[in-house]
Amino acid sequence: MKWRSQPFVEENMYSSIVEVAAAQQMAWLQSQLNDESVMMWIIKFRKRECGVVKIEQVDWINRSCFWSFYIGERDCLNRGAGVSVEYVILHIVFHLMQLNSLFCEVLPHNESVIKLHKHFGFELHSERYVKYWKSGGLTKANVLIARKSSIALEKIKSMDVKRFIGN
């Protein structure tokens, strides 16, 4: 929970957990861990735990899912952790799960993450309004999509994903 409440992480999330009681936070986490439709991992970068990645809303009929991640250690930002996570998730979703579409939602001011996703072939799919804790009202979120047939697949075909998994 420490990572999620970091100001540089929280500003890019729909909700704030700073004011949420620890018991509520733990109940939410337990519900995610018990939900068979959610896959969640701790990100380990250069032998250091530094964030969380999640795959959810898997739609086996339409062969799609959503994903999200955050890096909660400032000294792991802009050093390749996000790129490593992106490679691994694309490999899992398109090669292991054999899905065709991968969606994510990003707040428009989170330009570095939008740029990262676009580098891997994500495109703007749509926009939607979400409740945003900072404004107390609704704000726009970009819904991005990567398709199995897009450049994202080409970028990971020759990548040795094993070097990103494990220690």
C-alpha atoms as a PDB file:
ATOM      1  CA  MET A   1       0.000   0.000   0.000  1.00  0.00           C
ATOM      2  CA  LYS A   2       3.019   2.251   0.488  1.00  0.00           C
ATOM      3  CA  TRP A   3       3.648   2.411  -3.265  1.00  0.00           C
ATOM      4  CA  ARG A   4       0.034   3.163  -4.139  1.00  0.00           C
ATOM      5  CA  SER A   5      -0.094   6.140  -1.764  1.00  0.00           C
ATOM      6  CA  GLN A   6       3.029   7.822  -3.143  1.00  0.00           C
ATOM      7  CA  PRO A   7       2.010  11.271  -4.492  1.00  0.00           C
ATOM      8  CA  PHE A   8       3.712  10.630  -7.861  1.00  0.00           C
ATOM      9  CA  VAL A   9       1.678   7.414  -8.214  1.00  0.00           C
ATOM     10  CA  GLU A  10      -1.598   8.639  -6.787  1.00  0.00           C
ATOM     11  CA  GLU A  11      -1.812  11.679  -9.074  1.00  0.00           C
ATOM     12  CA  ASN A  12      -2.221   9.265 -11.991  1.00  0.00           C
ATOM     13  CA  MET A  13      -4.916   7.124 -10.352  1.00  0.00           C
ATOM     14  CA  TYR A  14      -8.675   7.607 -10.387  1.00  0.00           C
ATOM     15  CA  SER A  15      -8.936   7.384  -6.610  1.00  0.00           C
ATOM     16  CA  SER A  16      -6.920   8.365  -3.554  1.00  0.00           C
ATOM     17  CA  ILE A  17      -6.179   5.786  -0.884  1.00  0.00           C
ATOM     18  CA  VAL A  18      -4.456   8.153   1.546  1.00  0.00           C
ATOM     19  CA  GLU A  19      -7.691   8.776   3.410  1.00  0.00           C
ATOM     20  CA  VAL A  20      -8.956   5.193   3.204  1.00  0.00           C
ATOM     21  CA  ALA A  21      -8.588   3.118   6.340  1.00  0.00           C
ATOM     22  CA  ALA A  22      -5.991   0.352   6.260  1.00  0.00           C
ATOM     23  CA  ALA A  23      -8.714  -2.251   6.865  1.00  0.00           C
ATOM     24  CA  GLN A  24     -10.574  -1.078   3.753  1.00  0.00           C
ATOM     25  CA  GLN A  25      -7.381  -1.182   1.712  1.00  0.00           C
ATOM     26  CA  MET A  26      -6.639  -4.718   2.851  1.00  0.00           C
ATOM     27  CA  ALA A  27     -10.226  -5.808   2.138  1.00  0.00           C
ATOM     28  CA  TRP A  28      -9.926  -4.466  -1.424  1.00  0.00           C
ATOM     29  CA  LEU A  29      -6.585  -6.202  -1.929  1.00  0.00           C
ATOM     30  CA  GLN A  30      -7.976  -9.491  -0.606  1.00  0.00           C
ATOM     31  CA  SER A  31     -10.969  -9.201  -2.953  1.00  0.00           C
ATOM     32  CA  GLN A  32      -8.585  -8.766  -5.894  1.00  0.00           C
ATOM     33  CA  LEU A  33      -6.468 -11.721  -4.838  1.00  0.00           C
ATOM     34  CA  ASN A  34      -9.584 -13.898  -4.457  1.00  0.00           C
ATOM     35  CA  ASP A  35     -11.057 -12.856  -7.822  1.00  0.00           C
ATOM     36  CA  GLU A  36     -10.257 -15.550 -10.396  1.00  0.00           C
ATOM     37  CA  SER A  37     -10.665 -13.020 -13.215  1.00  0.00           C
ATOM     38  CA  VAL A  38      -7.823 -10.865 -11.865  1.00  0.00           C
ATOM     39  CA  MET A  39      -4.138 -11.671 -12.230  1.00  0.00           C
ATOM     40  CA  MET A  40      -1.870  -9.509 -10.128  1.00  0.00           C
ATOM     41  CA  TRP A  41       1.889  -9.552  -9.656  1.00  0.00           C
ATOM     42  CA  ILE A  42       4.546  -7.611  -7.822  1.00  0.00           C
ATOM     43  CA  ILE A  43       6.965  -5.954 -10.246  1.00  0.00           C
ATOM     44  CA  LYS A  44      10.555  -6.832  -9.540  1.00  0.00           C
ATOM     45  CA  PHE A  45      13.165  -4.757 -11.357  1.00  0.00           C
ATOM     46  CA  ARG A  46      16.883  -5.276 -10.903  1.00  0.00           C
ATOM     47  CA  LYS A  47      16.205  -7.639  -7.989  1.00  0.00           C
ATOM     48  CA  ARG A  48      14.065  -5.028  -6.226  1.00  0.00           C
ATOM     49  CA  GLU A  49      10.303  -5.040  -5.688  1.00  0.00           C
ATOM     50  CA  CYS A  50       9.003  -1.733  -6.988  1.00  0.00           C
ATOM     51  CA  GLY A  51       5.369  -1.872  -8.112  1.00  0.00           C
ATOM     52  CA  VAL A  52       2.265  -3.787  -9.134  1.00  0.00           C
ATOM     53  CA  VAL A  53       0.889  -5.027 -12.466  1.00  0.00           C
ATOM     54  CA  LYS A  54      -2.613  -6.367 -13.023  1.00  0.00           C
ATOM     55  CA  ILE A  55      -4.564  -8.061 -15.821  1.00  0.00           C
ATOM     56  CA  GLU A  56      -8.346  -7.978 -15.436  1.00  0.00           C
ATOM     57  CA  GLN A  57     -11.678  -8.024 -17.256  1.00  0.00           C
ATOM     58  CA  VAL A  58     -10.579 -10.962 -19.379  1.00  0.00           C
ATOM     59  CA  ASP A  59     -13.179 -11.557 -22.083  1.00  0.00           C
ATOM     60  CA  TRP A  60     -12.522 -15.013 -23.549  1.00  0.00           C
ATOM     61  CA  ILE A  61     -15.322 -14.662 -26.115  1.00  0.00           C
ATOM     62  CA  ASN A  62     -13.974 -11.433 -27.620  1.00  0.00           C
ATOM     63  CA  ARG A  63     -10.358 -12.396 -26.774  1.00  0.00           C
ATOM     64  CA  SER A  64      -9.543  -9.182 -24.905  1.00  0.00           C
ATOM     65  CA  CYS A  65      -8.594  -7.855 -21.480  1.00  0.00           C
ATOM     66  CA  PHE A  66      -7.523  -4.732 -19.607  1.00  0.00           C
ATOM     67  CA  TRP A  67      -4.272  -4.168 -17.775  1.00  0.00           C
ATOM     68  CA  SER A  68      -2.692  -1.604 -15.497  1.00  0.00           C
ATOM     69  CA  PHE A  69       0.533  -1.090 -13.619  1.00  0.00           C
ATOM     70  CA  TYR A  70       2.403   1.388 -11.506  1.00  0.00           C
ATOM     71  CA  ILE A  71       5.965   1.800 -10.378  1.00  0.00           C
ATOM     72  CA  GLY A  72       6.021   2.912  -6.744  1.00  0.00           C
ATOM     73  CA  GLU A  73       9.737   3.446  -6.246  1.00  0.00           C
ATOM     74  CA  ARG A  74      10.874   6.765  -7.674  1.00  0.00           C
ATOM     75  CA  ASP A  75      14.415   5.529  -8.374  1.00  0.00           C
ATOM     76  CA  CYS A  76      12.992   2.790 -10.654  1.00  0.00           C
ATOM     77  CA  LEU A  77      11.194   5.323 -12.862  1.00  0.00           C
ATOM     78  CA  ASN A  78      12.711   6.097 -16.270  1.00  0.00           C
ATOM     79  CA  ARG A  79      15.229   3.303 -15.902  1.00  0.00           C
ATOM     80  CA  GLY A  80      13.515   0.557 -17.913  1.00  0.00           C
ATOM     81  CA  ALA A  81      11.092  -0.915 -15.374  1.00  0.00           C
ATOM     82  CA  GLY A  82       8.037   0.214 -17.355  1.00  0.00           C
ATOM     83  CA  VAL A  83       9.499  -1.084 -20.617  1.00  0.00           C
ATOM     84  CA  SER A  84      10.237  -4.448 -18.993  1.00  0.00           C
ATOM     85  CA  VAL A  85       6.693  -4.713 -17.633  1.00  0.00           C
ATOM     86  CA  GLU A  86       5.233  -3.832 -21.019  1.00  0.00           C
ATOM     87  CA  TYR A  87       7.246  -6.553 -22.785  1.00  0.00           C
ATOM     88  CA  VAL A  88       6.200  -9.194 -20.275  1.00  0.00           C
ATOM     89  CA  ILE A  89       2.491  -8.256 -20.319  1.00  0.00           C
ATOM     90  CA  LEU A  90       2.380  -8.216 -24.114  1.00  0.00           C
ATOM     91  CA  HIS A  91       4.011 -11.642 -24.128  1.00  0.00           C
ATOM     92  CA  ILE A  92       1.562 -13.019 -21.561  1.00  0.00           C
ATOM     93  CA  VAL A  93      -1.539 -11.573 -23.222  1.00  0.00           C
ATOM     94  CA  PHE A  94      -0.733 -12.248 -26.876  1.00  0.00           C
ATOM     95  CA  HIS A  95       1.386 -15.410 -26.693  1.00  0.00           C
ATOM     96  CA  LEU A  96       0.404 -17.282 -23.547  1.00  0.00           C
ATOM     97  CA  MET A  97      -3.252 -16.270 -23.217  1.00  0.00           C
ATOM     98  CA  GLN A  98      -3.713 -16.006 -27.005  1.00  0.00           C
ATOM     99  CA  LEU A  99      -5.881 -12.887 -26.741  1.00  0.00           C
ATOM    100  CA  ASN A 100      -6.286 -10.443 -29.628  1.00  0.00           C
ATOM    101  CA  SER A 101      -6.776  -7.085 -27.883  1.00  0.00           C
ATOM    102  CA  LEU A 102      -5.251  -5.473 -24.822  1.00  0.00           C
ATOM    103  CA  PHE A 103      -6.817  -2.338 -23.363  1.00  0.00           C
ATOM    104  CA  CYS A 104      -5.638   0.152 -20.760  1.00  0.00           C
ATOM    105  CA  GLU A 105      -6.898   3.456 -19.407  1.00  0.00           C
ATOM    106  CA  VAL A 106      -4.602   6.417 -18.863  1.00  0.00           C
ATOM    107  CA  LEU A 107      -5.340   9.901 -17.613  1.00  0.00           C
ATOM    108  CA  PRO A 108      -4.372  12.450 -20.313  1.00  0.00           C
ATOM    109  CA  HIS A 109      -1.839  14.238 -18.099  1.00  0.00           C
ATOM    110  CA  ASN A 110       0.154  10.997 -17.689  1.00  0.00           C
ATOM    111  CA  GLU A 111       2.036  11.726 -20.907  1.00  0.00           C
ATOM    112  CA  SER A 112       5.079   9.543 -20.219  1.00  0.00           C
ATOM    113  CA  VAL A 113       2.924   6.403 -19.870  1.00  0.00           C
ATOM    114  CA  ILE A 114       0.886   7.279 -22.965  1.00  0.00           C
ATOM    115  CA  LYS A 115       4.171   7.665 -24.868  1.00  0.00           C
ATOM    116  CA  LEU A 116       5.420   4.318 -23.527  1.00  0.00           C
ATOM    117  CA  HIS A 117       2.232   2.516 -24.595  1.00  0.00           C
ATOM    118  CA  LYS A 118       2.293   4.117 -28.050  1.00  0.00           C
ATOM    119  CA  HIS A 119       5.898   2.999 -28.474  1.00  0.00           C
ATOM    120  CA  PHE A 120       4.597  -0.582 -28.165  1.00  0.00           C
ATOM    121  CA  GLY A 121       1.843  -0.057 -30.716  1.00  0.00           C
ATOM    122  CA  PHE A 122      -1.050   1.041 -28.521  1.00  0.00           C
ATOM    123  CA  GLU A 123      -3.480   3.438 -30.200  1.00  0.00           C
ATOM    124  CA  LEU A 124      -6.240   5.654 -28.877  1.00  0.00           C
ATOM    125  CA  HIS A 125      -9.403   3.558 -28.895  1.00  0.00           C
ATOM    126  CA  SER A 126     -11.849   5.884 -27.155  1.00  0.00           C
ATOM    127  CA  GLU A 127     -12.290   8.354 -24.340  1.00  0.00           C
ATOM    128  CA  ARG A 128     -14.523   8.015 -21.322  1.00  0.00           C
ATOM    129  CA  TYR A 129     -15.326  10.084 -18.287  1.00  0.00           C
ATOM    130  CA  VAL A 130     -14.347   8.740 -14.893  1.00  0.00           C
ATOM    131  CA  LYS A 131     -14.695   9.971 -11.357  1.00  0.00           C
ATOM    132  CA  TYR A 132     -11.385  11.556 -10.413  1.00  0.00           C
ATOM    133  CA  TRP A 133     -10.519  12.142  -6.778  1.00  0.00           C
ATOM    134  CA  LYS A 134      -8.406  15.265  -7.350  1.00  0.00           C
ATOM    135  CA  SER A 135     -11.135  17.233  -9.097  1.00  0.00           C
ATOM    136  CA  GLY A 136     -14.015  15.810  -7.085  1.00  0.00           C
ATOM    137  CA  GLY A 137     -15.859  15.333 -10.354  1.00  0.00           C
ATOM    138  CA  LEU A 138     -15.521  13.672 -13.705  1.00  0.00           C
ATOM    139  CA  THR A 139     -12.436  13.785 -15.873  1.00  0.00           C
ATOM    140  CA  LYS A 140     -11.546  12.318 -19.218  1.00  0.00           C
ATOM    141  CA  ALA A 141      -9.541   9.102 -19.468  1.00  0.00           C
ATOM    142  CA  ASN A 142      -7.963   7.798 -22.645  1.00  0.00           C
ATOM    143  CA  VAL A 143      -8.703   4.170 -23.467  1.00  0.00           C
ATOM    144  CA  LEU A 144      -5.798   2.739 -25.440  1.00  0.00           C
ATOM    145  CA  ILE A 145      -5.724  -0.546 -27.329  1.00  0.00           C
ATOM    146  CA  ALA A 146      -2.997  -2.839 -28.638  1.00  0.00           C
ATOM    147  CA  ARG A 147      -4.054  -5.450 -31.138  1.00  0.00           C
ATOM    148  CA  LYS A 148      -2.286  -8.747 -31.668  1.00  0.00           C
ATOM    149  CA  SER A 149      -1.946  -7.834 -35.325  1.00  0.00           C
ATOM    150  CA  SER A 150      -0.315  -4.475 -34.490  1.00  0.00           C
ATOM    151  CA  ILE A 151       3.309  -3.453 -34.142  1.00  0.00           C
ATOM    152  CA  ALA A 152       3.187  -4.534 -30.488  1.00  0.00           C
ATOM    153  CA  LEU A 153       3.419  -8.160 -31.581  1.00  0.00           C
ATOM    154  CA  GLU A 154       6.358  -7.431 -33.865  1.00  0.00           C
ATOM    155  CA  LYS A 155       8.235  -5.782 -31.001  1.00  0.00           C
ATOM    156  CA  ILE A 156       7.953  -8.835 -28.767  1.00  0.00           C
ATOM    157  CA  LYS A 157       8.388 -11.657 -31.288  1.00  0.00           C
ATOM    158  CA  SER A 158      12.171 -11.625 -31.120  1.00  0.00           C
ATOM    159  CA  MET A 159      12.436 -10.466 -27.497  1.00  0.00           C
ATOM    160  CA  ASP A 160      13.845 -12.885 -24.959  1.00  0.00           C
ATOM    161  CA  VAL A 161      11.099 -12.368 -22.359  1.00  0.00           C
ATOM    162  CA  LYS A 162      12.792 -14.808 -19.989  1.00  0.00           C
ATOM    163  CA  ARG A 163      15.362 -12.148 -19.155  1.00  0.00           C
ATOM    164  CA  PHE A 164      12.560 -10.039 -17.649  1.00  0.00           C
ATOM    165  CA  ILE A 165      11.048 -12.842 -15.564  1.00  0.00           C
ATOM    166  CA  GLY A 166      12.560 -14.201 -12.390  1.00  0.00           C
ATOM    167  CA  ASN A 167      15.436 -12.613 -10.537  1.00  0.00           C
END
